[in-house]
Amino acid sequence: MAMLSVGMSETLSAADKTATLTIRGVAYHLTIVDTDASRALGLSGRKSLAKDDGMFFVFPRKEIQNFWMKDMYFPIDIIFMDDHKIVSIFNSVPPPRAGETLSELPIYTSTAPANAVLEVNAGEAKKHRFSVGDEVSVR
């Protein structure tokens, strides 16, 4: 069975592409995206995300990461990580406005190199007081 390295010293099974991530005692059930195609799609086209679910983007190397809200229908929090620590948080990122073109979409950029990104429902980071430097565990 192939193993997926998340650069966090843990490894995850690439067969089911799911895991659990915990920040400050709050657990999220993850869908893992680790290919160029799956990262490009992300949550695009989905109408919602379950309460305790998240999408976890895994990148092959640490670098500045850029995200946008192409084809999104609901707001999210975008949490950039470097191994076991949060390096940037964007709270309550809105979906595109009606009529907004791709060239008009804002880009959300990590403030430091990151090798993973968590997307959860808008308001989660503020509700649980997540902050830069918080430890993250994945299993």
N, C-alpha and C. Protein backbone atom coordinates (compact mmCIF):
# COMPACT_ATOMS: atom_id res chain seq x y z
N MET A 1 0.85 -1.17 0.00
CA MET A 1 0.00 0.00 0.00
C MET A 1 0.90 1.24 0.00
N ALA A 2 0.59 2.18 -0.86
CA ALA A 2 1.36 3.41 -0.93
C ALA A 2 1.13 4.24 0.32
N MET A 3 2.16 4.95 0.73
CA MET A 3 2.03 5.84 1.89
C MET A 3 2.20 7.27 1.43
N LEU A 4 1.49 8.15 2.03
CA LEU A 4 1.53 9.57 1.70
C LEU A 4 2.26 10.29 2.81
N SER A 5 3.35 10.94 2.47
CA SER A 5 4.08 11.71 3.47
C SER A 5 3.50 13.12 3.51
N VAL A 6 3.22 13.59 4.70
CA VAL A 6 2.69 14.95 4.84
C VAL A 6 3.76 15.90 5.37
N GLY A 7 5.00 15.45 5.43
CA GLY A 7 6.05 16.31 5.90
C GLY A 7 5.89 16.66 7.37
N MET A 8 5.12 15.89 8.09
CA MET A 8 4.85 16.18 9.49
C MET A 8 5.31 15.02 10.36
N SER A 9 6.21 14.23 9.86
CA SER A 9 6.77 13.04 10.48
C SER A 9 5.77 11.90 10.59
N GLU A 10 4.50 12.16 10.34
CA GLU A 10 3.54 11.07 10.24
C GLU A 10 3.39 10.70 8.77
N THR A 11 2.91 9.52 8.52
CA THR A 11 2.55 9.14 7.16
C THR A 11 1.10 8.70 7.16
N LEU A 12 0.45 8.92 6.04
CA LEU A 12 -0.96 8.60 5.90
C LEU A 12 -1.14 7.65 4.75
N SER A 13 -2.14 6.81 4.83
CA SER A 13 -2.42 5.89 3.76
C SER A 13 -2.95 6.63 2.54
N ALA A 14 -2.31 6.41 1.39
CA ALA A 14 -2.78 7.04 0.16
C ALA A 14 -3.98 6.29 -0.41
N ALA A 15 -4.27 5.10 0.13
CA ALA A 15 -5.38 4.31 -0.39
C ALA A 15 -6.73 4.95 -0.09
N ASP A 16 -6.92 5.44 1.15
CA ASP A 16 -8.22 6.01 1.48
C ASP A 16 -8.23 7.53 1.48
N LYS A 17 -7.07 8.17 1.51
CA LYS A 17 -6.95 9.62 1.44
C LYS A 17 -7.77 10.34 2.51
N THR A 18 -7.85 9.75 3.68
CA THR A 18 -8.52 10.39 4.79
C THR A 18 -7.63 10.34 6.03
N ALA A 19 -7.87 11.22 6.96
CA ALA A 19 -7.12 11.26 8.22
C ALA A 19 -7.88 12.15 9.18
N THR A 20 -7.33 12.31 10.38
CA THR A 20 -7.86 13.23 11.36
C THR A 20 -6.77 14.22 11.74
N LEU A 21 -7.11 15.50 11.76
CA LEU A 21 -6.17 16.56 12.13
C LEU A 21 -6.70 17.22 13.38
N THR A 22 -5.80 17.53 14.32
CA THR A 22 -6.19 18.16 15.58
C THR A 22 -5.37 19.43 15.81
N ILE A 23 -6.10 20.51 16.15
CA ILE A 23 -5.49 21.78 16.55
C ILE A 23 -6.18 22.20 17.84
N ARG A 24 -5.40 22.47 18.89
CA ARG A 24 -5.96 22.93 20.18
C ARG A 24 -7.08 22.02 20.67
N GLY A 25 -6.94 20.71 20.45
CA GLY A 25 -7.94 19.75 20.91
C GLY A 25 -9.17 19.62 20.02
N VAL A 26 -9.22 20.39 18.94
CA VAL A 26 -10.35 20.33 18.01
C VAL A 26 -9.96 19.42 16.84
N ALA A 27 -10.77 18.38 16.59
CA ALA A 27 -10.46 17.40 15.56
C ALA A 27 -11.31 17.62 14.32
N TYR A 28 -10.67 17.47 13.16
CA TYR A 28 -11.35 17.55 11.86
C TYR A 28 -11.10 16.26 11.11
N HIS A 29 -12.16 15.77 10.46
CA HIS A 29 -12.05 14.62 9.57
C HIS A 29 -11.65 15.16 8.21
N LEU A 30 -10.54 14.67 7.70
CA LEU A 30 -9.95 15.23 6.49
C LEU A 30 -10.17 14.41 5.24
N THR A 31 -10.30 15.11 4.15
CA THR A 31 -10.10 14.55 2.82
C THR A 31 -8.74 15.08 2.39
N ILE A 32 -7.84 14.19 2.02
CA ILE A 32 -6.48 14.57 1.66
C ILE A 32 -6.37 14.72 0.15
N VAL A 33 -5.80 15.84 -0.28
CA VAL A 33 -5.53 16.06 -1.69
C VAL A 33 -4.03 16.28 -1.84
N ASP A 34 -3.41 15.44 -2.68
CA ASP A 34 -1.95 15.46 -2.76
C ASP A 34 -1.41 15.36 -4.18
N THR A 35 -2.28 15.53 -5.17
CA THR A 35 -1.83 15.54 -6.56
C THR A 35 -2.14 16.92 -7.15
N ASP A 36 -1.47 17.27 -8.22
CA ASP A 36 -1.74 18.57 -8.85
C ASP A 36 -3.21 18.71 -9.22
N ALA A 37 -3.78 17.65 -9.78
CA ALA A 37 -5.19 17.70 -10.22
C ALA A 37 -6.13 17.84 -9.03
N SER A 38 -5.92 17.07 -7.96
CA SER A 38 -6.82 17.15 -6.81
C SER A 38 -6.65 18.46 -6.05
N ARG A 39 -5.42 18.98 -5.99
CA ARG A 39 -5.20 20.28 -5.34
C ARG A 39 -5.86 21.39 -6.15
N ALA A 40 -5.79 21.33 -7.47
CA ALA A 40 -6.41 22.36 -8.32
C ALA A 40 -7.93 22.37 -8.15
N LEU A 41 -8.54 21.21 -7.98
CA LEU A 41 -9.99 21.11 -7.79
C LEU A 41 -10.40 21.54 -6.39
N GLY A 42 -9.72 21.03 -5.38
CA GLY A 42 -10.03 21.39 -3.99
C GLY A 42 -11.50 21.25 -3.67
N LEU A 43 -12.07 22.28 -3.05
CA LEU A 43 -13.50 22.28 -2.70
C LEU A 43 -14.37 22.92 -3.78
N SER A 44 -13.77 23.27 -4.91
CA SER A 44 -14.53 23.90 -6.00
C SER A 44 -15.73 23.06 -6.38
N GLY A 45 -16.86 23.74 -6.56
CA GLY A 45 -18.08 23.07 -7.01
C GLY A 45 -18.91 22.46 -5.91
N ARG A 46 -18.34 22.29 -4.72
CA ARG A 46 -19.13 21.74 -3.61
C ARG A 46 -20.04 22.82 -3.04
N LYS A 47 -21.20 22.41 -2.58
CA LYS A 47 -22.17 23.35 -2.02
C LYS A 47 -21.93 23.60 -0.53
N SER A 48 -21.24 22.66 0.16
CA SER A 48 -21.00 22.82 1.59
C SER A 48 -19.91 21.85 2.05
N LEU A 49 -19.56 22.00 3.31
CA LEU A 49 -18.59 21.13 3.97
C LEU A 49 -19.20 20.75 5.31
N ALA A 50 -19.20 19.47 5.64
CA ALA A 50 -19.78 19.02 6.91
C ALA A 50 -19.09 19.73 8.09
N LYS A 51 -19.80 19.84 9.19
CA LYS A 51 -19.38 20.60 10.36
C LYS A 51 -17.94 20.32 10.81
N ASP A 52 -17.56 19.09 10.98
CA ASP A 52 -16.23 18.75 11.49
C ASP A 52 -15.30 18.22 10.41
N ASP A 53 -15.58 18.56 9.16
CA ASP A 53 -14.75 18.11 8.05
C ASP A 53 -13.82 19.21 7.58
N GLY A 54 -12.77 18.78 6.89
CA GLY A 54 -11.84 19.72 6.28
C GLY A 54 -11.19 19.09 5.08
N MET A 55 -10.63 19.92 4.22
CA MET A 55 -9.83 19.44 3.11
C MET A 55 -8.38 19.79 3.43
N PHE A 56 -7.51 18.81 3.28
CA PHE A 56 -6.10 18.93 3.65
C PHE A 56 -5.24 18.80 2.40
N PHE A 57 -4.61 19.89 2.03
CA PHE A 57 -3.75 19.95 0.85
C PHE A 57 -2.31 19.66 1.26
N VAL A 58 -1.71 18.66 0.64
CA VAL A 58 -0.33 18.29 0.94
C VAL A 58 0.53 18.64 -0.27
N PHE A 59 1.63 19.35 -0.02
CA PHE A 59 2.54 19.78 -1.08
C PHE A 59 3.88 19.07 -0.94
N PRO A 60 4.57 18.82 -2.07
CA PRO A 60 5.82 18.06 -2.03
C PRO A 60 6.98 18.81 -1.37
N ARG A 61 6.90 20.14 -1.28
CA ARG A 61 7.99 20.89 -0.64
C ARG A 61 7.44 22.15 0.03
N LYS A 62 8.23 22.66 0.94
CA LYS A 62 7.86 23.89 1.64
C LYS A 62 8.18 25.09 0.75
N GLU A 63 7.14 25.89 0.50
CA GLU A 63 7.32 27.12 -0.25
C GLU A 63 6.11 28.01 0.00
N ILE A 64 6.19 29.25 -0.45
CA ILE A 64 5.04 30.14 -0.34
C ILE A 64 3.91 29.53 -1.18
N GLN A 65 2.73 29.39 -0.57
CA GLN A 65 1.58 28.79 -1.25
C GLN A 65 0.54 29.87 -1.52
N ASN A 66 -0.14 29.75 -2.66
CA ASN A 66 -1.19 30.68 -3.06
C ASN A 66 -2.49 29.93 -3.29
N PHE A 67 -3.59 30.48 -2.74
CA PHE A 67 -4.91 29.89 -2.90
C PHE A 67 -5.88 30.95 -3.40
N TRP A 68 -6.92 30.49 -4.10
CA TRP A 68 -8.00 31.37 -4.53
C TRP A 68 -9.30 30.63 -4.37
N MET A 69 -10.41 31.30 -4.61
CA MET A 69 -11.72 30.73 -4.36
C MET A 69 -12.48 30.41 -5.65
N LYS A 70 -11.77 29.98 -6.66
CA LYS A 70 -12.38 29.65 -7.94
C LYS A 70 -13.49 28.61 -7.76
N ASP A 71 -14.67 28.90 -8.31
CA ASP A 71 -15.82 27.99 -8.30
C ASP A 71 -16.27 27.57 -6.89
N MET A 72 -16.03 28.41 -5.90
CA MET A 72 -16.47 28.13 -4.53
C MET A 72 -17.87 28.70 -4.31
N TYR A 73 -18.65 28.03 -3.44
CA TYR A 73 -20.02 28.44 -3.16
C TYR A 73 -20.24 28.85 -1.71
N PHE A 74 -19.24 28.69 -0.85
CA PHE A 74 -19.40 29.01 0.56
C PHE A 74 -18.07 29.53 1.12
N PRO A 75 -18.12 30.31 2.20
CA PRO A 75 -16.90 30.85 2.78
C PRO A 75 -16.15 29.79 3.59
N ILE A 76 -14.83 29.96 3.68
CA ILE A 76 -13.98 29.02 4.42
C ILE A 76 -12.88 29.78 5.17
N ASP A 77 -12.25 29.08 6.10
CA ASP A 77 -11.00 29.52 6.69
C ASP A 77 -9.89 28.75 5.98
N ILE A 78 -8.81 29.45 5.65
CA ILE A 78 -7.65 28.81 5.00
C ILE A 78 -6.49 28.90 5.99
N ILE A 79 -5.96 27.73 6.37
CA ILE A 79 -4.91 27.65 7.39
C ILE A 79 -3.67 27.01 6.77
N PHE A 80 -2.61 27.81 6.64
CA PHE A 80 -1.35 27.33 6.06
C PHE A 80 -0.46 26.78 7.16
N MET A 81 0.23 25.66 6.87
CA MET A 81 1.06 24.99 7.87
C MET A 81 2.44 24.65 7.33
N ASP A 82 3.40 24.70 8.23
CA ASP A 82 4.76 24.22 7.97
C ASP A 82 4.99 23.10 8.98
N ASP A 83 4.94 21.88 8.48
CA ASP A 83 5.03 20.70 9.34
C ASP A 83 3.97 20.77 10.44
N HIS A 84 4.38 20.85 11.69
CA HIS A 84 3.45 20.77 12.81
C HIS A 84 2.95 22.13 13.31
N LYS A 85 3.19 23.21 12.57
CA LYS A 85 2.81 24.53 13.07
C LYS A 85 2.03 25.34 12.05
N ILE A 86 1.08 26.12 12.54
CA ILE A 86 0.34 27.06 11.69
C ILE A 86 1.25 28.25 11.40
N VAL A 87 1.34 28.64 10.11
CA VAL A 87 2.16 29.80 9.73
C VAL A 87 1.32 30.97 9.24
N SER A 88 0.09 30.75 8.78
CA SER A 88 -0.79 31.82 8.31
C SER A 88 -2.24 31.35 8.42
N ILE A 89 -3.14 32.30 8.68
CA ILE A 89 -4.57 32.00 8.72
C ILE A 89 -5.31 33.12 8.00
N PHE A 90 -6.22 32.73 7.11
CA PHE A 90 -7.15 33.66 6.50
C PHE A 90 -8.54 33.26 6.98
N ASN A 91 -9.19 34.17 7.69
CA ASN A 91 -10.50 33.89 8.30
C ASN A 91 -11.64 34.28 7.38
N SER A 92 -12.65 33.42 7.33
CA SER A 92 -13.91 33.70 6.62
C SER A 92 -13.70 34.27 5.23
N VAL A 93 -12.94 33.53 4.43
CA VAL A 93 -12.68 33.93 3.04
C VAL A 93 -13.97 33.72 2.24
N PRO A 94 -14.49 34.78 1.61
CA PRO A 94 -15.78 34.65 0.92
C PRO A 94 -15.65 34.00 -0.46
N PRO A 95 -16.74 33.38 -0.92
CA PRO A 95 -16.75 32.86 -2.30
C PRO A 95 -16.75 34.04 -3.27
N PRO A 96 -16.50 33.79 -4.54
CA PRO A 96 -16.53 34.89 -5.52
C PRO A 96 -17.90 35.57 -5.55
N ARG A 97 -17.87 36.87 -5.84
CA ARG A 97 -19.11 37.62 -6.02
C ARG A 97 -19.69 37.28 -7.39
N ALA A 98 -20.98 37.42 -7.54
CA ALA A 98 -21.64 37.18 -8.83
C ALA A 98 -20.97 38.05 -9.90
N GLY A 99 -20.61 37.44 -10.99
CA GLY A 99 -20.02 38.15 -12.11
C GLY A 99 -18.52 38.39 -11.99
N GLU A 100 -17.91 38.01 -10.88
CA GLU A 100 -16.48 38.21 -10.70
C GLU A 100 -15.70 37.27 -11.63
N THR A 101 -14.78 37.81 -12.40
CA THR A 101 -13.99 37.00 -13.33
C THR A 101 -12.79 36.38 -12.62
N LEU A 102 -12.19 35.37 -13.25
CA LEU A 102 -11.02 34.72 -12.66
C LEU A 102 -9.91 35.72 -12.37
N SER A 103 -9.70 36.66 -13.27
CA SER A 103 -8.62 37.64 -13.07
C SER A 103 -8.92 38.60 -11.92
N GLU A 104 -10.15 38.67 -11.49
CA GLU A 104 -10.53 39.55 -10.37
C GLU A 104 -10.50 38.85 -9.01
N LEU A 105 -10.33 37.53 -9.00
CA LEU A 105 -10.36 36.80 -7.73
C LEU A 105 -9.13 37.14 -6.89
N PRO A 106 -9.32 37.41 -5.60
CA PRO A 106 -8.17 37.64 -4.72
C PRO A 106 -7.34 36.37 -4.57
N ILE A 107 -6.06 36.56 -4.34
CA ILE A 107 -5.13 35.45 -4.06
C ILE A 107 -4.78 35.52 -2.59
N TYR A 108 -4.85 34.40 -1.90
CA TYR A 108 -4.52 34.30 -0.48
C TYR A 108 -3.17 33.58 -0.38
N THR A 109 -2.16 34.30 0.10
CA THR A 109 -0.78 33.83 0.07
C THR A 109 -0.25 33.61 1.48
N SER A 110 0.41 32.47 1.69
CA SER A 110 1.01 32.21 3.00
C SER A 110 2.09 33.25 3.28
N THR A 111 2.24 33.61 4.54
CA THR A 111 3.25 34.60 4.93
C THR A 111 4.61 33.97 5.16
N ALA A 112 4.67 32.65 5.13
CA ALA A 112 5.91 31.89 5.30
C ALA A 112 5.78 30.62 4.46
N PRO A 113 6.90 29.96 4.16
CA PRO A 113 6.80 28.70 3.43
C PRO A 113 5.90 27.70 4.16
N ALA A 114 5.10 26.98 3.38
CA ALA A 114 4.16 26.00 3.93
C ALA A 114 4.20 24.74 3.07
N ASN A 115 3.94 23.60 3.70
CA ASN A 115 3.86 22.35 2.94
C ASN A 115 2.52 21.66 3.11
N ALA A 116 1.58 22.34 3.78
CA ALA A 116 0.22 21.81 3.93
C ALA A 116 -0.74 22.97 4.18
N VAL A 117 -1.98 22.76 3.77
CA VAL A 117 -3.03 23.76 3.97
C VAL A 117 -4.31 23.04 4.38
N LEU A 118 -4.98 23.60 5.37
CA LEU A 118 -6.27 23.08 5.83
C LEU A 118 -7.35 24.08 5.47
N GLU A 119 -8.41 23.60 4.83
CA GLU A 119 -9.60 24.42 4.59
C GLU A 119 -10.74 23.84 5.42
N VAL A 120 -11.35 24.72 6.22
CA VAL A 120 -12.49 24.34 7.06
C VAL A 120 -13.58 25.40 6.90
N ASN A 121 -14.74 25.13 7.45
CA ASN A 121 -15.83 26.09 7.37
C ASN A 121 -15.42 27.43 7.99
N ALA A 122 -15.92 28.49 7.41
CA ALA A 122 -15.64 29.85 7.89
C ALA A 122 -16.02 29.98 9.36
N GLY A 123 -15.16 30.63 10.11
CA GLY A 123 -15.42 30.88 11.52
C GLY A 123 -14.77 29.90 12.47
N GLU A 124 -14.31 28.77 11.98
CA GLU A 124 -13.71 27.76 12.85
C GLU A 124 -12.45 28.28 13.54
N ALA A 125 -11.57 28.95 12.79
CA ALA A 125 -10.31 29.42 13.38
C ALA A 125 -10.56 30.43 14.49
N LYS A 126 -11.47 31.36 14.28
CA LYS A 126 -11.78 32.36 15.32
C LYS A 126 -12.50 31.71 16.49
N LYS A 127 -13.46 30.86 16.19
CA LYS A 127 -14.24 30.19 17.25
C LYS A 127 -13.34 29.44 18.22
N HIS A 128 -12.32 28.76 17.69
CA HIS A 128 -11.44 27.94 18.52
C HIS A 128 -10.12 28.65 18.84
N ARG A 129 -10.02 29.92 18.44
CA ARG A 129 -8.84 30.75 18.73
C ARG A 129 -7.54 30.17 18.20
N PHE A 130 -7.60 29.60 16.99
CA PHE A 130 -6.38 29.13 16.35
C PHE A 130 -5.51 30.34 16.06
N SER A 131 -4.19 30.17 16.18
CA SER A 131 -3.29 31.27 15.88
C SER A 131 -1.97 30.75 15.32
N VAL A 132 -1.25 31.66 14.69
CA VAL A 132 0.06 31.32 14.14
C VAL A 132 0.92 30.76 15.27
N GLY A 133 1.60 29.65 14.98
CA GLY A 133 2.44 28.98 15.96
C GLY A 133 1.77 27.81 16.65
N ASP A 134 0.43 27.70 16.54
CA ASP A 134 -0.26 26.58 17.16
C ASP A 134 0.25 25.26 16.57
N GLU A 135 0.37 24.26 17.43
CA GLU A 135 0.77 22.92 17.02
C GLU A 135 -0.39 22.20 16.33
N VAL A 136 -0.03 21.37 15.33
CA VAL A 136 -1.01 20.61 14.56
C VAL A 136 -0.55 19.15 14.57
N SER A 137 -1.50 18.24 14.76
CA SER A 137 -1.17 16.81 14.64
C SER A 137 -2.12 16.16 13.65
N VAL A 138 -1.57 15.21 12.90
CA VAL A 138 -2.35 14.47 11.90
C VAL A 138 -2.16 12.99 12.16
N ARG A 139 -3.30 12.27 12.14
CA ARG A 139 -3.21 10.81 12.25
C ARG A 139 -4.24 10.16 11.36
